[in-house]
């Protein structure tokens, strides 16, 4: 086998593996458009209603996915803050499980416009893992 054919074989093998990896990452929370990822975990989520507005309560549909070889999260906490203002929400989310590694967070409200950061705290066998995702609220 020549060097060129070896490189071609490696490239073809990589192309066969890549769709499976992309599919597994995309499968987390199918239909949930927002993502926070790190520490071997992905949190996929979607607000209800989809457009976040100041002074209106909303819910979050949340899925937590572990990378292959990582244990599932055992608990979830959801919160939000405004990093620029150094304060959080005036409301605390209540969570209820809706299926395996799925939750519904209710009772959230952004009380002022600006950049908010969703905060997700995952309890895992290795300890607490914190993930975040920022949104702009008008």
N, C-alpha and C. Protein backbone atom coordinates (compact mmCIF):
# COMPACT_ATOMS: atom_id res chain seq x y z
N UNK A 1 0.85 -1.17 0.00
CA UNK A 1 0.00 0.00 0.00
C UNK A 1 0.90 1.24 0.00
N UNK A 2 0.59 2.17 -0.87
CA UNK A 2 1.39 3.39 -0.97
C UNK A 2 0.94 4.40 0.09
N UNK A 3 1.76 5.42 0.28
CA UNK A 3 1.43 6.48 1.24
C UNK A 3 0.14 7.18 0.83
N UNK A 4 -0.04 7.40 -0.47
CA UNK A 4 -1.25 8.08 -0.95
C UNK A 4 -2.50 7.23 -0.69
N UNK A 5 -2.38 5.91 -0.93
CA UNK A 5 -3.55 5.06 -0.70
C UNK A 5 -3.83 4.90 0.79
N UNK A 6 -2.81 4.96 1.65
CA UNK A 6 -3.00 4.93 3.10
C UNK A 6 -3.75 6.17 3.57
N UNK A 7 -3.34 7.32 3.04
CA UNK A 7 -4.03 8.57 3.41
C UNK A 7 -5.48 8.53 2.95
N UNK A 8 -5.71 7.99 1.75
CA UNK A 8 -7.07 7.89 1.22
C UNK A 8 -7.91 6.96 2.10
N UNK A 9 -7.35 5.85 2.54
CA UNK A 9 -8.07 4.91 3.40
C UNK A 9 -8.43 5.57 4.73
N UNK A 10 -7.50 6.34 5.30
CA UNK A 10 -7.76 7.04 6.57
C UNK A 10 -8.86 8.08 6.38
N UNK A 11 -8.80 8.83 5.27
CA UNK A 11 -9.81 9.84 4.99
C UNK A 11 -11.19 9.20 4.83
N UNK A 12 -11.27 8.09 4.10
CA UNK A 12 -12.56 7.41 3.92
C UNK A 12 -13.10 6.90 5.25
N UNK A 13 -12.24 6.35 6.10
CA UNK A 13 -12.68 5.87 7.41
C UNK A 13 -13.22 7.03 8.25
N UNK A 14 -12.54 8.17 8.20
CA UNK A 14 -12.99 9.35 8.95
C UNK A 14 -14.34 9.83 8.44
N UNK A 15 -14.55 9.80 7.13
CA UNK A 15 -15.82 10.22 6.57
C UNK A 15 -16.96 9.29 6.95
N UNK A 16 -16.66 8.03 7.18
CA UNK A 16 -17.69 7.09 7.61
C UNK A 16 -18.06 7.30 9.07
N UNK A 17 -17.12 7.69 9.92
CA UNK A 17 -17.36 7.89 11.34
C UNK A 17 -18.00 9.24 11.62
N UNK A 18 -17.65 10.27 10.86
CA UNK A 18 -18.12 11.62 11.11
C UNK A 18 -19.65 11.75 11.15
N UNK A 19 -20.41 11.19 10.19
CA UNK A 19 -21.86 11.34 10.27
C UNK A 19 -22.46 10.75 11.54
N UNK A 20 -21.92 9.65 12.04
CA UNK A 20 -22.43 9.05 13.27
C UNK A 20 -22.18 9.97 14.45
N UNK A 21 -21.02 10.59 14.52
CA UNK A 21 -20.70 11.51 15.62
C UNK A 21 -21.58 12.74 15.56
N UNK A 22 -21.76 13.30 14.36
CA UNK A 22 -22.62 14.48 14.21
C UNK A 22 -24.05 14.12 14.55
N UNK A 23 -24.51 12.96 14.11
CA UNK A 23 -25.88 12.52 14.39
C UNK A 23 -26.11 12.36 15.88
N UNK A 24 -25.14 11.79 16.60
CA UNK A 24 -25.28 11.60 18.05
C UNK A 24 -25.35 12.94 18.76
N UNK A 25 -24.53 13.91 18.35
CA UNK A 25 -24.55 15.24 18.97
C UNK A 25 -25.86 15.94 18.67
N UNK A 26 -26.34 15.82 17.44
CA UNK A 26 -27.59 16.46 17.05
C UNK A 26 -28.81 15.80 17.67
N UNK A 27 -28.70 14.55 18.05
CA UNK A 27 -29.84 13.82 18.59
C UNK A 27 -30.20 14.28 19.99
N UNK A 28 -29.32 14.96 20.67
CA UNK A 28 -29.62 15.42 22.02
C UNK A 28 -30.75 16.42 21.98
N UNK A 29 -31.88 16.05 22.57
CA UNK A 29 -33.01 16.96 22.63
C UNK A 29 -33.53 17.35 21.26
N UNK A 30 -33.77 16.35 20.41
CA UNK A 30 -34.28 16.63 19.07
C UNK A 30 -35.37 17.69 19.13
N UNK A 31 -35.24 18.71 18.32
CA UNK A 31 -36.23 19.77 18.26
C UNK A 31 -36.00 20.89 19.25
N UNK A 32 -35.04 20.75 20.15
CA UNK A 32 -34.72 21.80 21.11
C UNK A 32 -33.55 22.61 20.55
N UNK A 33 -33.78 23.86 20.16
CA UNK A 33 -32.79 24.59 19.36
C UNK A 33 -31.60 25.18 20.11
N UNK A 34 -31.71 25.43 21.40
CA UNK A 34 -30.62 26.09 22.12
C UNK A 34 -29.74 25.05 22.81
N UNK A 35 -28.44 25.36 22.95
CA UNK A 35 -27.49 24.41 23.51
C UNK A 35 -26.52 25.09 24.48
N UNK A 36 -26.18 24.35 25.52
CA UNK A 36 -25.07 24.69 26.42
C UNK A 36 -24.28 23.39 26.54
N UNK A 37 -22.97 23.44 26.34
CA UNK A 37 -22.19 22.21 26.35
C UNK A 37 -20.86 22.43 27.05
N UNK A 38 -20.38 21.35 27.67
CA UNK A 38 -19.08 21.35 28.32
C UNK A 38 -18.98 20.22 29.31
N UNK A 39 -17.77 19.88 29.71
CA UNK A 39 -17.51 18.86 30.73
C UNK A 39 -18.08 17.50 30.34
N UNK A 40 -18.27 17.25 29.03
CA UNK A 40 -18.81 15.96 28.59
C UNK A 40 -20.32 15.88 28.58
N UNK A 41 -21.00 17.01 28.73
CA UNK A 41 -22.47 17.05 28.77
C UNK A 41 -23.00 18.13 27.84
N UNK A 42 -24.19 17.92 27.34
CA UNK A 42 -24.90 18.92 26.55
C UNK A 42 -26.29 19.10 27.16
N UNK A 43 -26.69 20.36 27.32
CA UNK A 43 -28.04 20.68 27.72
C UNK A 43 -28.70 21.32 26.49
N UNK A 44 -29.74 20.68 25.98
CA UNK A 44 -30.52 21.22 24.87
C UNK A 44 -31.81 21.75 25.48
N UNK A 45 -32.25 22.93 25.03
CA UNK A 45 -33.46 23.48 25.65
C UNK A 45 -34.19 24.41 24.70
N UNK A 46 -35.46 24.66 25.03
CA UNK A 46 -36.30 25.56 24.26
C UNK A 46 -37.26 26.26 25.20
N UNK A 47 -37.36 27.59 25.08
CA UNK A 47 -38.34 28.31 25.90
C UNK A 47 -39.75 28.14 25.33
N UNK A 48 -40.72 28.22 26.22
CA UNK A 48 -42.14 28.21 25.85
C UNK A 48 -42.79 29.40 26.55
N UNK A 49 -43.24 30.44 25.85
CA UNK A 49 -43.24 30.58 24.40
C UNK A 49 -41.83 30.78 23.85
N UNK A 50 -41.69 30.57 22.54
CA UNK A 50 -40.36 30.61 21.91
C UNK A 50 -39.72 31.99 22.01
N UNK A 51 -40.51 33.06 21.92
CA UNK A 51 -39.95 34.41 22.02
C UNK A 51 -40.01 34.86 23.46
N UNK A 52 -38.85 35.09 24.05
CA UNK A 52 -38.76 35.56 25.43
C UNK A 52 -39.08 37.05 25.48
N UNK A 53 -39.90 37.45 26.43
CA UNK A 53 -40.28 38.85 26.58
C UNK A 53 -40.14 39.27 28.03
N UNK A 54 -39.80 40.53 28.23
CA UNK A 54 -39.65 41.08 29.59
C UNK A 54 -41.00 41.04 30.29
N UNK A 55 -40.98 40.60 31.55
CA UNK A 55 -42.17 40.61 32.38
C UNK A 55 -43.18 39.51 32.10
N UNK A 56 -42.81 38.51 31.32
CA UNK A 56 -43.72 37.40 31.02
C UNK A 56 -43.10 36.09 31.50
N UNK A 57 -43.89 35.32 32.26
CA UNK A 57 -43.41 34.01 32.70
C UNK A 57 -43.21 33.11 31.49
N UNK A 58 -42.24 32.21 31.60
CA UNK A 58 -42.00 31.23 30.55
C UNK A 58 -41.52 29.93 31.17
N UNK A 59 -41.53 28.89 30.35
CA UNK A 59 -41.06 27.56 30.74
C UNK A 59 -39.87 27.20 29.86
N UNK A 60 -39.10 26.23 30.30
CA UNK A 60 -38.03 25.67 29.48
C UNK A 60 -38.22 24.17 29.39
N UNK A 61 -38.25 23.66 28.19
CA UNK A 61 -38.19 22.22 27.94
C UNK A 61 -36.70 21.90 27.85
N UNK A 62 -36.21 21.00 28.69
CA UNK A 62 -34.77 20.76 28.82
C UNK A 62 -34.45 19.27 28.67
N UNK A 63 -33.41 18.99 27.90
CA UNK A 63 -32.86 17.63 27.78
C UNK A 63 -31.38 17.70 28.16
N UNK A 64 -30.92 16.73 28.93
CA UNK A 64 -29.51 16.66 29.32
C UNK A 64 -28.93 15.37 28.73
N UNK A 65 -27.84 15.52 27.99
CA UNK A 65 -27.21 14.38 27.34
C UNK A 65 -25.75 14.27 27.75
N UNK A 66 -25.35 13.05 28.03
CA UNK A 66 -23.95 12.77 28.36
C UNK A 66 -23.25 12.23 27.12
N UNK A 67 -21.98 12.60 26.95
CA UNK A 67 -21.19 12.02 25.87
C UNK A 67 -21.02 10.52 26.13
N UNK A 68 -20.78 9.74 25.07
CA UNK A 68 -20.55 8.31 25.28
C UNK A 68 -19.46 8.07 26.32
N UNK A 69 -19.73 7.14 27.23
CA UNK A 69 -18.78 6.81 28.29
C UNK A 69 -18.96 7.63 29.55
N UNK A 70 -19.77 8.67 29.51
CA UNK A 70 -20.05 9.48 30.70
C UNK A 70 -21.35 9.00 31.34
N UNK A 71 -21.43 9.05 32.66
CA UNK A 71 -22.68 8.67 33.31
C UNK A 71 -23.72 9.77 33.15
N UNK A 72 -24.98 9.40 33.21
CA UNK A 72 -26.07 10.37 33.11
C UNK A 72 -26.07 11.30 34.31
N UNK A 73 -26.57 12.51 34.11
CA UNK A 73 -26.74 13.44 35.22
C UNK A 73 -27.82 12.89 36.14
N UNK A 74 -27.66 13.10 37.43
CA UNK A 74 -28.64 12.59 38.40
C UNK A 74 -29.62 13.66 38.86
N UNK A 75 -29.30 14.93 38.64
CA UNK A 75 -30.19 16.03 39.02
C UNK A 75 -29.84 17.26 38.20
N UNK A 76 -30.78 18.19 38.15
CA UNK A 76 -30.61 19.41 37.37
C UNK A 76 -31.17 20.59 38.15
N UNK A 77 -30.47 21.73 38.09
CA UNK A 77 -30.97 23.00 38.59
C UNK A 77 -30.92 23.98 37.44
N UNK A 78 -31.93 24.86 37.34
CA UNK A 78 -32.01 25.87 36.29
C UNK A 78 -32.17 27.23 36.93
N UNK A 79 -31.39 28.19 36.47
CA UNK A 79 -31.48 29.57 36.97
C UNK A 79 -31.04 30.48 35.82
N UNK A 80 -31.02 31.78 36.06
CA UNK A 80 -30.53 32.75 35.07
C UNK A 80 -30.04 33.98 35.81
N UNK A 81 -29.09 34.67 35.18
CA UNK A 81 -28.61 35.92 35.76
C UNK A 81 -28.26 36.90 34.65
N UNK A 82 -27.98 38.13 35.06
CA UNK A 82 -27.52 39.18 34.15
C UNK A 82 -26.08 39.51 34.55
N UNK A 83 -25.10 38.96 33.86
CA UNK A 83 -23.71 39.19 34.26
C UNK A 83 -23.33 40.68 34.35
N UNK A 84 -23.82 41.49 33.43
CA UNK A 84 -23.45 42.91 33.43
C UNK A 84 -24.02 43.65 34.64
N UNK A 85 -25.14 43.17 35.16
CA UNK A 85 -25.78 43.84 36.30
C UNK A 85 -25.50 43.13 37.62
N UNK A 86 -24.90 41.97 37.53
CA UNK A 86 -24.56 41.16 38.71
C UNK A 86 -25.76 40.83 39.59
N UNK A 87 -26.84 40.43 38.92
CA UNK A 87 -28.01 39.95 39.68
C UNK A 87 -28.72 38.89 38.87
N UNK A 88 -29.57 38.16 39.55
CA UNK A 88 -30.32 37.09 38.91
C UNK A 88 -31.78 37.45 38.74
N UNK A 89 -32.57 36.43 38.54
CA UNK A 89 -34.01 36.60 38.38
C UNK A 89 -34.66 36.84 39.74
N UNK A 90 -35.85 37.39 39.71
CA UNK A 90 -36.65 37.54 40.92
C UNK A 90 -37.48 36.30 41.20
N UNK A 91 -37.39 35.31 40.33
CA UNK A 91 -38.18 34.09 40.44
C UNK A 91 -37.27 32.88 40.41
N UNK A 92 -37.68 31.81 41.05
CA UNK A 92 -36.94 30.55 41.04
C UNK A 92 -37.73 29.52 40.23
N UNK A 93 -37.03 28.81 39.41
CA UNK A 93 -37.67 27.79 38.58
C UNK A 93 -38.03 26.57 39.42
N UNK A 94 -39.16 25.99 39.10
CA UNK A 94 -39.49 24.68 39.66
C UNK A 94 -39.30 23.67 38.53
N UNK A 95 -38.80 22.50 38.87
CA UNK A 95 -38.49 21.49 37.87
C UNK A 95 -39.30 20.24 38.10
N UNK A 96 -39.74 19.64 37.00
CA UNK A 96 -40.35 18.32 37.10
C UNK A 96 -39.84 17.48 35.95
N UNK A 97 -39.56 16.23 36.25
CA UNK A 97 -39.08 15.31 35.24
C UNK A 97 -40.20 14.95 34.28
N UNK A 98 -39.86 14.91 32.98
CA UNK A 98 -40.86 14.56 31.96
C UNK A 98 -40.46 13.32 31.17
N UNK A 99 -39.38 12.69 31.57
CA UNK A 99 -38.89 11.50 30.88
C UNK A 99 -37.44 11.32 31.22
N UNK A 100 -36.84 10.31 30.61
CA UNK A 100 -35.44 10.03 30.88
C UNK A 100 -34.56 11.21 30.43
N UNK A 101 -33.90 11.84 31.38
CA UNK A 101 -33.02 12.98 31.15
C UNK A 101 -33.74 14.16 30.49
N UNK A 102 -35.05 14.31 30.77
CA UNK A 102 -35.85 15.44 30.28
C UNK A 102 -36.54 16.09 31.47
N UNK A 103 -36.61 17.42 31.44
CA UNK A 103 -37.26 18.18 32.50
C UNK A 103 -38.05 19.34 31.91
N UNK A 104 -39.01 19.83 32.68
CA UNK A 104 -39.72 21.06 32.37
C UNK A 104 -39.47 22.01 33.53
N UNK A 105 -38.84 23.14 33.22
CA UNK A 105 -38.60 24.19 34.22
C UNK A 105 -39.70 25.23 34.06
N UNK A 106 -40.41 25.52 35.15
CA UNK A 106 -41.53 26.45 35.09
C UNK A 106 -41.30 27.61 36.05
N UNK A 107 -42.02 28.71 35.79
CA UNK A 107 -41.98 29.84 36.71
C UNK A 107 -40.83 30.80 36.51
N UNK A 108 -40.20 30.79 35.35
CA UNK A 108 -39.09 31.70 35.07
C UNK A 108 -39.64 33.01 34.51
N UNK A 109 -38.96 34.12 34.81
CA UNK A 109 -39.32 35.41 34.24
C UNK A 109 -38.11 36.33 34.24
N UNK A 110 -37.89 36.99 33.11
CA UNK A 110 -36.86 38.02 33.03
C UNK A 110 -37.55 39.36 33.30
N UNK A 111 -37.13 40.05 34.34
CA UNK A 111 -37.83 41.26 34.77
C UNK A 111 -37.28 42.54 34.15
N UNK A 112 -36.24 42.44 33.34
CA UNK A 112 -35.72 43.62 32.65
C UNK A 112 -35.04 43.21 31.34
N UNK A 113 -34.97 44.15 30.37
CA UNK A 113 -34.33 43.82 29.09
C UNK A 113 -32.81 43.77 29.24
N UNK A 114 -32.18 43.06 28.32
CA UNK A 114 -30.73 42.99 28.30
C UNK A 114 -30.23 41.58 28.07
N UNK A 115 -28.94 41.38 28.31
CA UNK A 115 -28.30 40.08 28.13
C UNK A 115 -28.47 39.26 29.39
N UNK A 116 -29.13 38.12 29.24
CA UNK A 116 -29.34 37.16 30.32
C UNK A 116 -28.54 35.91 30.03
N UNK A 117 -28.17 35.21 31.07
CA UNK A 117 -27.41 33.97 30.95
C UNK A 117 -28.18 32.86 31.66
N UNK A 118 -28.61 31.85 30.88
CA UNK A 118 -29.21 30.66 31.49
C UNK A 118 -28.10 29.88 32.18
N UNK A 119 -28.36 29.42 33.39
CA UNK A 119 -27.40 28.66 34.18
C UNK A 119 -27.97 27.27 34.44
N UNK A 120 -27.23 26.26 34.07
CA UNK A 120 -27.63 24.87 34.28
C UNK A 120 -26.60 24.22 35.18
N UNK A 121 -27.06 23.64 36.25
CA UNK A 121 -26.18 22.94 37.19
C UNK A 121 -26.56 21.47 37.18
N UNK A 122 -25.63 20.63 36.74
CA UNK A 122 -25.87 19.19 36.63
C UNK A 122 -25.18 18.48 37.78
N UNK A 123 -25.90 17.64 38.48
CA UNK A 123 -25.28 16.76 39.47
C UNK A 123 -24.90 15.48 38.72
N UNK A 124 -23.63 15.11 38.82
CA UNK A 124 -23.13 13.90 38.17
C UNK A 124 -22.33 13.10 39.19
N UNK A 125 -22.08 11.83 38.92
CA UNK A 125 -21.25 11.05 39.84
C UNK A 125 -19.85 11.64 40.05
N UNK A 126 -19.35 12.45 39.07
CA UNK A 126 -18.04 13.07 39.21
C UNK A 126 -18.11 14.42 39.92
N UNK A 127 -19.31 14.88 40.25
CA UNK A 127 -19.48 16.18 40.89
C UNK A 127 -20.40 17.08 40.10
N UNK A 128 -20.50 18.32 40.53
CA UNK A 128 -21.39 19.29 39.89
C UNK A 128 -20.72 19.84 38.64
N UNK A 129 -21.47 19.92 37.56
CA UNK A 129 -21.01 20.49 36.30
C UNK A 129 -21.91 21.67 35.98
N UNK A 130 -21.31 22.83 35.68
CA UNK A 130 -22.07 24.04 35.39
C UNK A 130 -21.91 24.42 33.93
N UNK A 131 -23.05 24.67 33.28
CA UNK A 131 -23.08 25.08 31.88
C UNK A 131 -23.94 26.33 31.76
N UNK A 132 -23.68 27.14 30.73
CA UNK A 132 -24.47 28.35 30.55
C UNK A 132 -24.68 28.66 29.08
N UNK A 133 -25.68 29.50 28.83
CA UNK A 133 -25.99 29.95 27.48
C UNK A 133 -26.61 31.34 27.59
N UNK A 134 -26.09 32.30 26.82
CA UNK A 134 -26.58 33.69 26.90
C UNK A 134 -27.63 33.97 25.83
N UNK A 135 -28.60 34.83 26.19
CA UNK A 135 -29.63 35.29 25.27
C UNK A 135 -29.85 36.79 25.49
N UNK A 136 -30.31 37.43 24.46
CA UNK A 136 -30.66 38.85 24.55
C UNK A 136 -32.18 38.96 24.63
N UNK A 137 -32.67 39.69 25.63
CA UNK A 137 -34.11 39.83 25.84
C UNK A 137 -34.47 41.30 25.67
N UNK A 138 -35.46 41.55 24.83
CA UNK A 138 -35.91 42.93 24.58
C UNK A 138 -37.24 43.20 25.24
